[in-house]
């Protein structure tokens, strides 16, 4: 759900969010 959001469109943003979500 969240990786599909516009703010996570860039690869760098996707990677950053992925590890954030894993931590959370």
PDBML (XML) file of the C-alpha atoms, coordinates in Angstrom:
<?xml version="1.0" encoding="UTF-8" ?>
<PDBx:datablock datablockName="MODEL"
   xmlns:PDBx="http://pdbml.pdb.org/schema/pdbx-v50.xsd"
   xmlns:xsi="http://www.w3.org/2001/XMLSchema-instance"
   xsi:schemaLocation="http://pdbml.pdb.org/schema/pdbx-v50.xsd pdbx-v50.xsd">
   <PDBx:atom_siteCategory>
      <PDBx:atom_site id="1">
         <PDBx:B_iso_or_equiv>0.00</PDBx:B_iso_or_equiv>
         <PDBx:Cartn_x>0.000</PDBx:Cartn_x>
         <PDBx:Cartn_y>0.000</PDBx:Cartn_y>
         <PDBx:Cartn_z>0.000</PDBx:Cartn_z>
         <PDBx:auth_asym_id>A</PDBx:auth_asym_id>
         <PDBx:auth_atom_id>CA</PDBx:auth_atom_id>
         <PDBx:auth_comp_id>UNK</PDBx:auth_comp_id>
         <PDBx:auth_seq_id>1</PDBx:auth_seq_id>
         <PDBx:group_PDB>ATOM</PDBx:group_PDB>
         <PDBx:label_alt_id xsi:nil="true" />
         <PDBx:label_asym_id>A</PDBx:label_asym_id>
         <PDBx:label_atom_id>CA</PDBx:label_atom_id>
         <PDBx:label_comp_id>UNK</PDBx:label_comp_id>
         <PDBx:label_entity_id>1</PDBx:label_entity_id>
         <PDBx:label_seq_id>1</PDBx:label_seq_id>
         <PDBx:occupancy>1.00</PDBx:occupancy>
         <PDBx:pdbx_PDB_model_num>1</PDBx:pdbx_PDB_model_num>
         <PDBx:type_symbol>C</PDBx:type_symbol>
      </PDBx:atom_site>
      <PDBx:atom_site id="2">
         <PDBx:B_iso_or_equiv>0.00</PDBx:B_iso_or_equiv>
         <PDBx:Cartn_x>2.549</PDBx:Cartn_x>
         <PDBx:Cartn_y>2.575</PDBx:Cartn_y>
         <PDBx:Cartn_z>1.094</PDBx:Cartn_z>
         <PDBx:auth_asym_id>A</PDBx:auth_asym_id>
         <PDBx:auth_atom_id>CA</PDBx:auth_atom_id>
         <PDBx:auth_comp_id>UNK</PDBx:auth_comp_id>
         <PDBx:auth_seq_id>2</PDBx:auth_seq_id>
         <PDBx:group_PDB>ATOM</PDBx:group_PDB>
         <PDBx:label_alt_id xsi:nil="true" />
         <PDBx:label_asym_id>A</PDBx:label_asym_id>
         <PDBx:label_atom_id>CA</PDBx:label_atom_id>
         <PDBx:label_comp_id>UNK</PDBx:label_comp_id>
         <PDBx:label_entity_id>1</PDBx:label_entity_id>
         <PDBx:label_seq_id>2</PDBx:label_seq_id>
         <PDBx:occupancy>1.00</PDBx:occupancy>
         <PDBx:pdbx_PDB_model_num>1</PDBx:pdbx_PDB_model_num>
         <PDBx:type_symbol>C</PDBx:type_symbol>
      </PDBx:atom_site>
      <PDBx:atom_site id="3">
         <PDBx:B_iso_or_equiv>0.00</PDBx:B_iso_or_equiv>
         <PDBx:Cartn_x>5.217</PDBx:Cartn_x>
         <PDBx:Cartn_y>1.877</PDBx:Cartn_y>
         <PDBx:Cartn_z>-1.510</PDBx:Cartn_z>
         <PDBx:auth_asym_id>A</PDBx:auth_asym_id>
         <PDBx:auth_atom_id>CA</PDBx:auth_atom_id>
         <PDBx:auth_comp_id>UNK</PDBx:auth_comp_id>
         <PDBx:auth_seq_id>3</PDBx:auth_seq_id>
         <PDBx:group_PDB>ATOM</PDBx:group_PDB>
         <PDBx:label_alt_id xsi:nil="true" />
         <PDBx:label_asym_id>A</PDBx:label_asym_id>
         <PDBx:label_atom_id>CA</PDBx:label_atom_id>
         <PDBx:label_comp_id>UNK</PDBx:label_comp_id>
         <PDBx:label_entity_id>1</PDBx:label_entity_id>
         <PDBx:label_seq_id>3</PDBx:label_seq_id>
         <PDBx:occupancy>1.00</PDBx:occupancy>
         <PDBx:pdbx_PDB_model_num>1</PDBx:pdbx_PDB_model_num>
         <PDBx:type_symbol>C</PDBx:type_symbol>
      </PDBx:atom_site>
      <PDBx:atom_site id="4">
         <PDBx:B_iso_or_equiv>0.00</PDBx:B_iso_or_equiv>
         <PDBx:Cartn_x>2.617</PDBx:Cartn_x>
         <PDBx:Cartn_y>2.689</PDBx:Cartn_y>
         <PDBx:Cartn_z>-4.173</PDBx:Cartn_z>
         <PDBx:auth_asym_id>A</PDBx:auth_asym_id>
         <PDBx:auth_atom_id>CA</PDBx:auth_atom_id>
         <PDBx:auth_comp_id>UNK</PDBx:auth_comp_id>
         <PDBx:auth_seq_id>4</PDBx:auth_seq_id>
         <PDBx:group_PDB>ATOM</PDBx:group_PDB>
         <PDBx:label_alt_id xsi:nil="true" />
         <PDBx:label_asym_id>A</PDBx:label_asym_id>
         <PDBx:label_atom_id>CA</PDBx:label_atom_id>
         <PDBx:label_comp_id>UNK</PDBx:label_comp_id>
         <PDBx:label_entity_id>1</PDBx:label_entity_id>
         <PDBx:label_seq_id>4</PDBx:label_seq_id>
         <PDBx:occupancy>1.00</PDBx:occupancy>
         <PDBx:pdbx_PDB_model_num>1</PDBx:pdbx_PDB_model_num>
         <PDBx:type_symbol>C</PDBx:type_symbol>
      </PDBx:atom_site>
      <PDBx:atom_site id="5">
         <PDBx:B_iso_or_equiv>0.00</PDBx:B_iso_or_equiv>
         <PDBx:Cartn_x>2.098</PDBx:Cartn_x>
         <PDBx:Cartn_y>6.200</PDBx:Cartn_y>
         <PDBx:Cartn_z>-2.779</PDBx:Cartn_z>
         <PDBx:auth_asym_id>A</PDBx:auth_asym_id>
         <PDBx:auth_atom_id>CA</PDBx:auth_atom_id>
         <PDBx:auth_comp_id>UNK</PDBx:auth_comp_id>
         <PDBx:auth_seq_id>5</PDBx:auth_seq_id>
         <PDBx:group_PDB>ATOM</PDBx:group_PDB>
         <PDBx:label_alt_id xsi:nil="true" />
         <PDBx:label_asym_id>A</PDBx:label_asym_id>
         <PDBx:label_atom_id>CA</PDBx:label_atom_id>
         <PDBx:label_comp_id>UNK</PDBx:label_comp_id>
         <PDBx:label_entity_id>1</PDBx:label_entity_id>
         <PDBx:label_seq_id>5</PDBx:label_seq_id>
         <PDBx:occupancy>1.00</PDBx:occupancy>
         <PDBx:pdbx_PDB_model_num>1</PDBx:pdbx_PDB_model_num>
         <PDBx:type_symbol>C</PDBx:type_symbol>
      </PDBx:atom_site>
      <PDBx:atom_site id="6">
         <PDBx:B_iso_or_equiv>0.00</PDBx:B_iso_or_equiv>
         <PDBx:Cartn_x>3.398</PDBx:Cartn_x>
         <PDBx:Cartn_y>9.104</PDBx:Cartn_y>
         <PDBx:Cartn_z>-4.914</PDBx:Cartn_z>
         <PDBx:auth_asym_id>A</PDBx:auth_asym_id>
         <PDBx:auth_atom_id>CA</PDBx:auth_atom_id>
         <PDBx:auth_comp_id>UNK</PDBx:auth_comp_id>
         <PDBx:auth_seq_id>6</PDBx:auth_seq_id>
         <PDBx:group_PDB>ATOM</PDBx:group_PDB>
         <PDBx:label_alt_id xsi:nil="true" />
         <PDBx:label_asym_id>A</PDBx:label_asym_id>
         <PDBx:label_atom_id>CA</PDBx:label_atom_id>
         <PDBx:label_comp_id>UNK</PDBx:label_comp_id>
         <PDBx:label_entity_id>1</PDBx:label_entity_id>
         <PDBx:label_seq_id>6</PDBx:label_seq_id>
         <PDBx:occupancy>1.00</PDBx:occupancy>
         <PDBx:pdbx_PDB_model_num>1</PDBx:pdbx_PDB_model_num>
         <PDBx:type_symbol>C</PDBx:type_symbol>
      </PDBx:atom_site>
      <PDBx:atom_site id="7">
         <PDBx:B_iso_or_equiv>0.00</PDBx:B_iso_or_equiv>
         <PDBx:Cartn_x>5.825</PDBx:Cartn_x>
         <PDBx:Cartn_y>10.226</PDBx:Cartn_y>
         <PDBx:Cartn_z>-2.188</PDBx:Cartn_z>
         <PDBx:auth_asym_id>A</PDBx:auth_asym_id>
         <PDBx:auth_atom_id>CA</PDBx:auth_atom_id>
         <PDBx:auth_comp_id>UNK</PDBx:auth_comp_id>
         <PDBx:auth_seq_id>7</PDBx:auth_seq_id>
         <PDBx:group_PDB>ATOM</PDBx:group_PDB>
         <PDBx:label_alt_id xsi:nil="true" />
         <PDBx:label_asym_id>A</PDBx:label_asym_id>
         <PDBx:label_atom_id>CA</PDBx:label_atom_id>
         <PDBx:label_comp_id>UNK</PDBx:label_comp_id>
         <PDBx:label_entity_id>1</PDBx:label_entity_id>
         <PDBx:label_seq_id>7</PDBx:label_seq_id>
         <PDBx:occupancy>1.00</PDBx:occupancy>
         <PDBx:pdbx_PDB_model_num>1</PDBx:pdbx_PDB_model_num>
         <PDBx:type_symbol>C</PDBx:type_symbol>
      </PDBx:atom_site>
      <PDBx:atom_site id="8">
         <PDBx:B_iso_or_equiv>0.00</PDBx:B_iso_or_equiv>
         <PDBx:Cartn_x>7.568</PDBx:Cartn_x>
         <PDBx:Cartn_y>6.838</PDBx:Cartn_y>
         <PDBx:Cartn_z>-2.496</PDBx:Cartn_z>
         <PDBx:auth_asym_id>A</PDBx:auth_asym_id>
         <PDBx:auth_atom_id>CA</PDBx:auth_atom_id>
         <PDBx:auth_comp_id>UNK</PDBx:auth_comp_id>
         <PDBx:auth_seq_id>8</PDBx:auth_seq_id>
         <PDBx:group_PDB>ATOM</PDBx:group_PDB>
         <PDBx:label_alt_id xsi:nil="true" />
         <PDBx:label_asym_id>A</PDBx:label_asym_id>
         <PDBx:label_atom_id>CA</PDBx:label_atom_id>
         <PDBx:label_comp_id>UNK</PDBx:label_comp_id>
         <PDBx:label_entity_id>1</PDBx:label_entity_id>
         <PDBx:label_seq_id>8</PDBx:label_seq_id>
         <PDBx:occupancy>1.00</PDBx:occupancy>
         <PDBx:pdbx_PDB_model_num>1</PDBx:pdbx_PDB_model_num>
         <PDBx:type_symbol>C</PDBx:type_symbol>
      </PDBx:atom_site>
      <PDBx:atom_site id="9">
         <PDBx:B_iso_or_equiv>0.00</PDBx:B_iso_or_equiv>
         <PDBx:Cartn_x>7.785</PDBx:Cartn_x>
         <PDBx:Cartn_y>6.939</PDBx:Cartn_y>
         <PDBx:Cartn_z>-6.301</PDBx:Cartn_z>
         <PDBx:auth_asym_id>A</PDBx:auth_asym_id>
         <PDBx:auth_atom_id>CA</PDBx:auth_atom_id>
         <PDBx:auth_comp_id>UNK</PDBx:auth_comp_id>
         <PDBx:auth_seq_id>9</PDBx:auth_seq_id>
         <PDBx:group_PDB>ATOM</PDBx:group_PDB>
         <PDBx:label_alt_id xsi:nil="true" />
         <PDBx:label_asym_id>A</PDBx:label_asym_id>
         <PDBx:label_atom_id>CA</PDBx:label_atom_id>
         <PDBx:label_comp_id>UNK</PDBx:label_comp_id>
         <PDBx:label_entity_id>1</PDBx:label_entity_id>
         <PDBx:label_seq_id>9</PDBx:label_seq_id>
         <PDBx:occupancy>1.00</PDBx:occupancy>
         <PDBx:pdbx_PDB_model_num>1</PDBx:pdbx_PDB_model_num>
         <PDBx:type_symbol>C</PDBx:type_symbol>
      </PDBx:atom_site>
      <PDBx:atom_site id="10">
         <PDBx:B_iso_or_equiv>0.00</PDBx:B_iso_or_equiv>
         <PDBx:Cartn_x>11.567</PDBx:Cartn_x>
         <PDBx:Cartn_y>7.298</PDBx:Cartn_y>
         <PDBx:Cartn_z>-6.455</PDBx:Cartn_z>
         <PDBx:auth_asym_id>A</PDBx:auth_asym_id>
         <PDBx:auth_atom_id>CA</PDBx:auth_atom_id>
         <PDBx:auth_comp_id>UNK</PDBx:auth_comp_id>
         <PDBx:auth_seq_id>10</PDBx:auth_seq_id>
         <PDBx:group_PDB>ATOM</PDBx:group_PDB>
         <PDBx:label_alt_id xsi:nil="true" />
         <PDBx:label_asym_id>A</PDBx:label_asym_id>
         <PDBx:label_atom_id>CA</PDBx:label_atom_id>
         <PDBx:label_comp_id>UNK</PDBx:label_comp_id>
         <PDBx:label_entity_id>1</PDBx:label_entity_id>
         <PDBx:label_seq_id>10</PDBx:label_seq_id>
         <PDBx:occupancy>1.00</PDBx:occupancy>
         <PDBx:pdbx_PDB_model_num>1</PDBx:pdbx_PDB_model_num>
         <PDBx:type_symbol>C</PDBx:type_symbol>
      </PDBx:atom_site>
      <PDBx:atom_site id="11">
         <PDBx:B_iso_or_equiv>0.00</PDBx:B_iso_or_equiv>
         <PDBx:Cartn_x>13.718</PDBx:Cartn_x>
         <PDBx:Cartn_y>4.224</PDBx:Cartn_y>
         <PDBx:Cartn_z>-5.849</PDBx:Cartn_z>
         <PDBx:auth_asym_id>A</PDBx:auth_asym_id>
         <PDBx:auth_atom_id>CA</PDBx:auth_atom_id>
         <PDBx:auth_comp_id>UNK</PDBx:auth_comp_id>
         <PDBx:auth_seq_id>11</PDBx:auth_seq_id>
         <PDBx:group_PDB>ATOM</PDBx:group_PDB>
         <PDBx:label_alt_id xsi:nil="true" />
         <PDBx:label_asym_id>A</PDBx:label_asym_id>
         <PDBx:label_atom_id>CA</PDBx:label_atom_id>
         <PDBx:label_comp_id>UNK</PDBx:label_comp_id>
         <PDBx:label_entity_id>1</PDBx:label_entity_id>
         <PDBx:label_seq_id>11</PDBx:label_seq_id>
         <PDBx:occupancy>1.00</PDBx:occupancy>
         <PDBx:pdbx_PDB_model_num>1</PDBx:pdbx_PDB_model_num>
         <PDBx:type_symbol>C</PDBx:type_symbol>
      </PDBx:atom_site>
      <PDBx:atom_site id="12">
         <PDBx:B_iso_or_equiv>0.00</PDBx:B_iso_or_equiv>
         <PDBx:Cartn_x>15.623</PDBx:Cartn_x>
         <PDBx:Cartn_y>5.951</PDBx:Cartn_y>
         <PDBx:Cartn_z>-3.044</PDBx:Cartn_z>
         <PDBx:auth_asym_id>A</PDBx:auth_asym_id>
         <PDBx:auth_atom_id>CA</PDBx:auth_atom_id>
         <PDBx:auth_comp_id>UNK</PDBx:auth_comp_id>
         <PDBx:auth_seq_id>12</PDBx:auth_seq_id>
         <PDBx:group_PDB>ATOM</PDBx:group_PDB>
         <PDBx:label_alt_id xsi:nil="true" />
         <PDBx:label_asym_id>A</PDBx:label_asym_id>
         <PDBx:label_atom_id>CA</PDBx:label_atom_id>
         <PDBx:label_comp_id>UNK</PDBx:label_comp_id>
         <PDBx:label_entity_id>1</PDBx:label_entity_id>
         <PDBx:label_seq_id>12</PDBx:label_seq_id>
         <PDBx:occupancy>1.00</PDBx:occupancy>
         <PDBx:pdbx_PDB_model_num>1</PDBx:pdbx_PDB_model_num>
         <PDBx:type_symbol>C</PDBx:type_symbol>
      </PDBx:atom_site>
      <PDBx:atom_site id="13">
         <PDBx:B_iso_or_equiv>0.00</PDBx:B_iso_or_equiv>
         <PDBx:Cartn_x>12.337</PDBx:Cartn_x>
         <PDBx:Cartn_y>6.794</PDBx:Cartn_y>
         <PDBx:Cartn_z>-1.294</PDBx:Cartn_z>
         <PDBx:auth_asym_id>A</PDBx:auth_asym_id>
         <PDBx:auth_atom_id>CA</PDBx:auth_atom_id>
         <PDBx:auth_comp_id>UNK</PDBx:auth_comp_id>
         <PDBx:auth_seq_id>13</PDBx:auth_seq_id>
         <PDBx:group_PDB>ATOM</PDBx:group_PDB>
         <PDBx:label_alt_id xsi:nil="true" />
         <PDBx:label_asym_id>A</PDBx:label_asym_id>
         <PDBx:label_atom_id>CA</PDBx:label_atom_id>
         <PDBx:label_comp_id>UNK</PDBx:label_comp_id>
         <PDBx:label_entity_id>1</PDBx:label_entity_id>
         <PDBx:label_seq_id>13</PDBx:label_seq_id>
         <PDBx:occupancy>1.00</PDBx:occupancy>
         <PDBx:pdbx_PDB_model_num>1</PDBx:pdbx_PDB_model_num>
         <PDBx:type_symbol>C</PDBx:type_symbol>
      </PDBx:atom_site>
      <PDBx:atom_site id="14">
         <PDBx:B_iso_or_equiv>0.00</PDBx:B_iso_or_equiv>
         <PDBx:Cartn_x>11.116</PDBx:Cartn_x>
         <PDBx:Cartn_y>3.208</PDBx:Cartn_y>
         <PDBx:Cartn_z>-1.688</PDBx:Cartn_z>
         <PDBx:auth_asym_id>A</PDBx:auth_asym_id>
         <PDBx:auth_atom_id>CA</PDBx:auth_atom_id>
         <PDBx:auth_comp_id>UNK</PDBx:auth_comp_id>
         <PDBx:auth_seq_id>14</PDBx:auth_seq_id>
         <PDBx:group_PDB>ATOM</PDBx:group_PDB>
         <PDBx:label_alt_id xsi:nil="true" />
         <PDBx:label_asym_id>A</PDBx:label_asym_id>
         <PDBx:label_atom_id>CA</PDBx:label_atom_id>
         <PDBx:label_comp_id>UNK</PDBx:label_comp_id>
         <PDBx:label_entity_id>1</PDBx:label_entity_id>
         <PDBx:label_seq_id>14</PDBx:label_seq_id>
         <PDBx:occupancy>1.00</PDBx:occupancy>
         <PDBx:pdbx_PDB_model_num>1</PDBx:pdbx_PDB_model_num>
         <PDBx:type_symbol>C</PDBx:type_symbol>
      </PDBx:atom_site>
      <PDBx:atom_site id="15">
         <PDBx:B_iso_or_equiv>0.00</PDBx:B_iso_or_equiv>
         <PDBx:Cartn_x>14.298</PDBx:Cartn_x>
         <PDBx:Cartn_y>1.809</PDBx:Cartn_y>
         <PDBx:Cartn_z>-0.133</PDBx:Cartn_z>
         <PDBx:auth_asym_id>A</PDBx:auth_asym_id>
         <PDBx:auth_atom_id>CA</PDBx:auth_atom_id>
         <PDBx:auth_comp_id>UNK</PDBx:auth_comp_id>
         <PDBx:auth_seq_id>15</PDBx:auth_seq_id>
         <PDBx:group_PDB>ATOM</PDBx:group_PDB>
         <PDBx:label_alt_id xsi:nil="true" />
         <PDBx:label_asym_id>A</PDBx:label_asym_id>
         <PDBx:label_atom_id>CA</PDBx:label_atom_id>
         <PDBx:label_comp_id>UNK</PDBx:label_comp_id>
         <PDBx:label_entity_id>1</PDBx:label_entity_id>
         <PDBx:label_seq_id>15</PDBx:label_seq_id>
         <PDBx:occupancy>1.00</PDBx:occupancy>
         <PDBx:pdbx_PDB_model_num>1</PDBx:pdbx_PDB_model_num>
         <PDBx:type_symbol>C</PDBx:type_symbol>
      </PDBx:atom_site>
      <PDBx:atom_site id="16">
         <PDBx:B_iso_or_equiv>0.00</PDBx:B_iso_or_equiv>
         <PDBx:Cartn_x>14.189</PDBx:Cartn_x>
         <PDBx:Cartn_y>4.302</PDBx:Cartn_y>
         <PDBx:Cartn_z>2.730</PDBx:Cartn_z>
         <PDBx:auth_asym_id>A</PDBx:auth_asym_id>
         <PDBx:auth_atom_id>CA</PDBx:auth_atom_id>
         <PDBx:auth_comp_id>UNK</PDBx:auth_comp_id>
         <PDBx:auth_seq_id>16</PDBx:auth_seq_id>
         <PDBx:group_PDB>ATOM</PDBx:group_PDB>
         <PDBx:label_alt_id xsi:nil="true" />
         <PDBx:label_asym_id>A</PDBx:label_asym_id>
         <PDBx:label_atom_id>CA</PDBx:label_atom_id>
         <PDBx:label_comp_id>UNK</PDBx:label_comp_id>
         <PDBx:label_entity_id>1</PDBx:label_entity_id>
         <PDBx:label_seq_id>16</PDBx:label_seq_id>
         <PDBx:occupancy>1.00</PDBx:occupancy>
         <PDBx:pdbx_PDB_model_num>1</PDBx:pdbx_PDB_model_num>
         <PDBx:type_symbol>C</PDBx:type_symbol>
      </PDBx:atom_site>
      <PDBx:atom_site id="17">
         <PDBx:B_iso_or_equiv>0.00</PDBx:B_iso_or_equiv>
         <PDBx:Cartn_x>10.520</PDBx:Cartn_x>
         <PDBx:Cartn_y>3.535</PDBx:Cartn_y>
         <PDBx:Cartn_z>3.462</PDBx:Cartn_z>
         <PDBx:auth_asym_id>A</PDBx:auth_asym_id>
         <PDBx:auth_atom_id>CA</PDBx:auth_atom_id>
         <PDBx:auth_comp_id>UNK</PDBx:auth_comp_id>
         <PDBx:auth_seq_id>17</PDBx:auth_seq_id>
         <PDBx:group_PDB>ATOM</PDBx:group_PDB>
         <PDBx:label_alt_id xsi:nil="true" />
         <PDBx:label_asym_id>A</PDBx:label_asym_id>
         <PDBx:label_atom_id>CA</PDBx:label_atom_id>
         <PDBx:label_comp_id>UNK</PDBx:label_comp_id>
         <PDBx:label_entity_id>1</PDBx:label_entity_id>
         <PDBx:label_seq_id>17</PDBx:label_seq_id>
         <PDBx:occupancy>1.00</PDBx:occupancy>
         <PDBx:pdbx_PDB_model_num>1</PDBx:pdbx_PDB_model_num>
         <PDBx:type_symbol>C</PDBx:type_symbol>
      </PDBx:atom_site>
      <PDBx:atom_site id="18">
         <PDBx:B_iso_or_equiv>0.00</PDBx:B_iso_or_equiv>
         <PDBx:Cartn_x>11.069</PDBx:Cartn_x>
         <PDBx:Cartn_y>-0.229</PDBx:Cartn_y>
         <PDBx:Cartn_z>3.184</PDBx:Cartn_z>
         <PDBx:auth_asym_id>A</PDBx:auth_asym_id>
         <PDBx:auth_atom_id>CA</PDBx:auth_atom_id>
         <PDBx:auth_comp_id>UNK</PDBx:auth_comp_id>
         <PDBx:auth_seq_id>18</PDBx:auth_seq_id>
         <PDBx:group_PDB>ATOM</PDBx:group_PDB>
         <PDBx:label_alt_id xsi:nil="true" />
         <PDBx:label_asym_id>A</PDBx:label_asym_id>
         <PDBx:label_atom_id>CA</PDBx:label_atom_id>
         <PDBx:label_comp_id>UNK</PDBx:label_comp_id>
         <PDBx:label_entity_id>1</PDBx:label_entity_id>
         <PDBx:label_seq_id>18</PDBx:label_seq_id>
         <PDBx:occupancy>1.00</PDBx:occupancy>
         <PDBx:pdbx_PDB_model_num>1</PDBx:pdbx_PDB_model_num>
         <PDBx:type_symbol>C</PDBx:type_symbol>
      </PDBx:atom_site>
      <PDBx:atom_site id="19">
         <PDBx:B_iso_or_equiv>0.00</PDBx:B_iso_or_equiv>
         <PDBx:Cartn_x>13.621</PDBx:Cartn_x>
         <PDBx:Cartn_y>-0.248</PDBx:Cartn_y>
         <PDBx:Cartn_z>5.994</PDBx:Cartn_z>
         <PDBx:auth_asym_id>A</PDBx:auth_asym_id>
         <PDBx:auth_atom_id>CA</PDBx:auth_atom_id>
         <PDBx:auth_comp_id>UNK</PDBx:auth_comp_id>
         <PDBx:auth_seq_id>19</PDBx:auth_seq_id>
         <PDBx:group_PDB>ATOM</PDBx:group_PDB>
         <PDBx:label_alt_id xsi:nil="true" />
         <PDBx:label_asym_id>A</PDBx:label_asym_id>
         <PDBx:label_atom_id>CA</PDBx:label_atom_id>
         <PDBx:label_comp_id>UNK</PDBx:label_comp_id>
         <PDBx:label_entity_id>1</PDBx:label_entity_id>
         <PDBx:label_seq_id>19</PDBx:label_seq_id>
         <PDBx:occupancy>1.00</PDBx:occupancy>
         <PDBx:pdbx_PDB_model_num>1</PDBx:pdbx_PDB_model_num>
         <PDBx:type_symbol>C</PDBx:type_symbol>
      </PDBx:atom_site>
      <PDBx:atom_site id="20">
         <PDBx:B_iso_or_equiv>0.00</PDBx:B_iso_or_equiv>
         <PDBx:Cartn_x>11.530</PDBx:Cartn_x>
         <PDBx:Cartn_y>2.209</PDBx:Cartn_y>
         <PDBx:Cartn_z>8.021</PDBx:Cartn_z>
         <PDBx:auth_asym_id>A</PDBx:auth_asym_id>
         <PDBx:auth_atom_id>CA</PDBx:auth_atom_id>
         <PDBx:auth_comp_id>UNK</PDBx:auth_comp_id>
         <PDBx:auth_seq_id>20</PDBx:auth_seq_id>
         <PDBx:group_PDB>ATOM</PDBx:group_PDB>
         <PDBx:label_alt_id xsi:nil="true" />
         <PDBx:label_asym_id>A</PDBx:label_asym_id>
         <PDBx:label_atom_id>CA</PDBx:label_atom_id>
         <PDBx:label_comp_id>UNK</PDBx:label_comp_id>
         <PDBx:label_entity_id>1</PDBx:label_entity_id>
         <PDBx:label_seq_id>20</PDBx:label_seq_id>
         <PDBx:occupancy>1.00</PDBx:occupancy>
         <PDBx:pdbx_PDB_model_num>1</PDBx:pdbx_PDB_model_num>
         <PDBx:type_symbol>C</PDBx:type_symbol>
      </PDBx:atom_site>
      <PDBx:atom_site id="21">
         <PDBx:B_iso_or_equiv>0.00</PDBx:B_iso_or_equiv>
         <PDBx:Cartn_x>8.500</PDBx:Cartn_x>
         <PDBx:Cartn_y>-0.087</PDBx:Cartn_y>
         <PDBx:Cartn_z>7.755</PDBx:Cartn_z>
         <PDBx:auth_asym_id>A</PDBx:auth_asym_id>
         <PDBx:auth_atom_id>CA</PDBx:auth_atom_id>
         <PDBx:auth_comp_id>UNK</PDBx:auth_comp_id>
         <PDBx:auth_seq_id>21</PDBx:auth_seq_id>
         <PDBx:group_PDB>ATOM</PDBx:group_PDB>
         <PDBx:label_alt_id xsi:nil="true" />
         <PDBx:label_asym_id>A</PDBx:label_asym_id>
         <PDBx:label_atom_id>CA</PDBx:label_atom_id>
         <PDBx:label_comp_id>UNK</PDBx:label_comp_id>
         <PDBx:label_entity_id>1</PDBx:label_entity_id>
         <PDBx:label_seq_id>21</PDBx:label_seq_id>
         <PDBx:occupancy>1.00</PDBx:occupancy>
         <PDBx:pdbx_PDB_model_num>1</PDBx:pdbx_PDB_model_num>
         <PDBx:type_symbol>C</PDBx:type_symbol>
      </PDBx:atom_site>
      <PDBx:atom_site id="22">
         <PDBx:B_iso_or_equiv>0.00</PDBx:B_iso_or_equiv>
         <PDBx:Cartn_x>10.584</PDBx:Cartn_x>
         <PDBx:Cartn_y>-3.112</PDBx:Cartn_y>
         <PDBx:Cartn_z>8.741</PDBx:Cartn_z>
         <PDBx:auth_asym_id>A</PDBx:auth_asym_id>
         <PDBx:auth_atom_id>CA</PDBx:auth_atom_id>
         <PDBx:auth_comp_id>UNK</PDBx:auth_comp_id>
         <PDBx:auth_seq_id>22</PDBx:auth_seq_id>
         <PDBx:group_PDB>ATOM</PDBx:group_PDB>
         <PDBx:label_alt_id xsi:nil="true" />
         <PDBx:label_asym_id>A</PDBx:label_asym_id>
         <PDBx:label_atom_id>CA</PDBx:label_atom_id>
         <PDBx:label_comp_id>UNK</PDBx:label_comp_id>
         <PDBx:label_entity_id>1</PDBx:label_entity_id>
         <PDBx:label_seq_id>22</PDBx:label_seq_id>
         <PDBx:occupancy>1.00</PDBx:occupancy>
         <PDBx:pdbx_PDB_model_num>1</PDBx:pdbx_PDB_model_num>
         <PDBx:type_symbol>C</PDBx:type_symbol>
      </PDBx:atom_site>
      <PDBx:atom_site id="23">
         <PDBx:B_iso_or_equiv>0.00</PDBx:B_iso_or_equiv>
         <PDBx:Cartn_x>11.807</PDBx:Cartn_x>
         <PDBx:Cartn_y>-1.271</PDBx:Cartn_y>
         <PDBx:Cartn_z>11.823</PDBx:Cartn_z>
         <PDBx:auth_asym_id>A</PDBx:auth_asym_id>
         <PDBx:auth_atom_id>CA</PDBx:auth_atom_id>
         <PDBx:auth_comp_id>UNK</PDBx:auth_comp_id>
         <PDBx:auth_seq_id>23</PDBx:auth_seq_id>
         <PDBx:group_PDB>ATOM</PDBx:group_PDB>
         <PDBx:label_alt_id xsi:nil="true" />
         <PDBx:label_asym_id>A</PDBx:label_asym_id>
         <PDBx:label_atom_id>CA</PDBx:label_atom_id>
         <PDBx:label_comp_id>UNK</PDBx:label_comp_id>
         <PDBx:label_entity_id>1</PDBx:label_entity_id>
         <PDBx:label_seq_id>23</PDBx:label_seq_id>
         <PDBx:occupancy>1.00</PDBx:occupancy>
         <PDBx:pdbx_PDB_model_num>1</PDBx:pdbx_PDB_model_num>
         <PDBx:type_symbol>C</PDBx:type_symbol>
      </PDBx:atom_site>
      <PDBx:atom_site id="24">
         <PDBx:B_iso_or_equiv>0.00</PDBx:B_iso_or_equiv>
         <PDBx:Cartn_x>8.269</PDBx:Cartn_x>
         <PDBx:Cartn_y>-0.144</PDBx:Cartn_y>
         <PDBx:Cartn_z>12.711</PDBx:Cartn_z>
         <PDBx:auth_asym_id>A</PDBx:auth_asym_id>
         <PDBx:auth_atom_id>CA</PDBx:auth_atom_id>
         <PDBx:auth_comp_id>UNK</PDBx:auth_comp_id>
         <PDBx:auth_seq_id>24</PDBx:auth_seq_id>
         <PDBx:group_PDB>ATOM</PDBx:group_PDB>
         <PDBx:label_alt_id xsi:nil="true" />
         <PDBx:label_asym_id>A</PDBx:label_asym_id>
         <PDBx:label_atom_id>CA</PDBx:label_atom_id>
         <PDBx:label_comp_id>UNK</PDBx:label_comp_id>
         <PDBx:label_entity_id>1</PDBx:label_entity_id>
         <PDBx:label_seq_id>24</PDBx:label_seq_id>
         <PDBx:occupancy>1.00</PDBx:occupancy>
         <PDBx:pdbx_PDB_model_num>1</PDBx:pdbx_PDB_model_num>
         <PDBx:type_symbol>C</PDBx:type_symbol>
      </PDBx:atom_site>
   </PDBx:atom_siteCategory>
</PDBx:datablock>
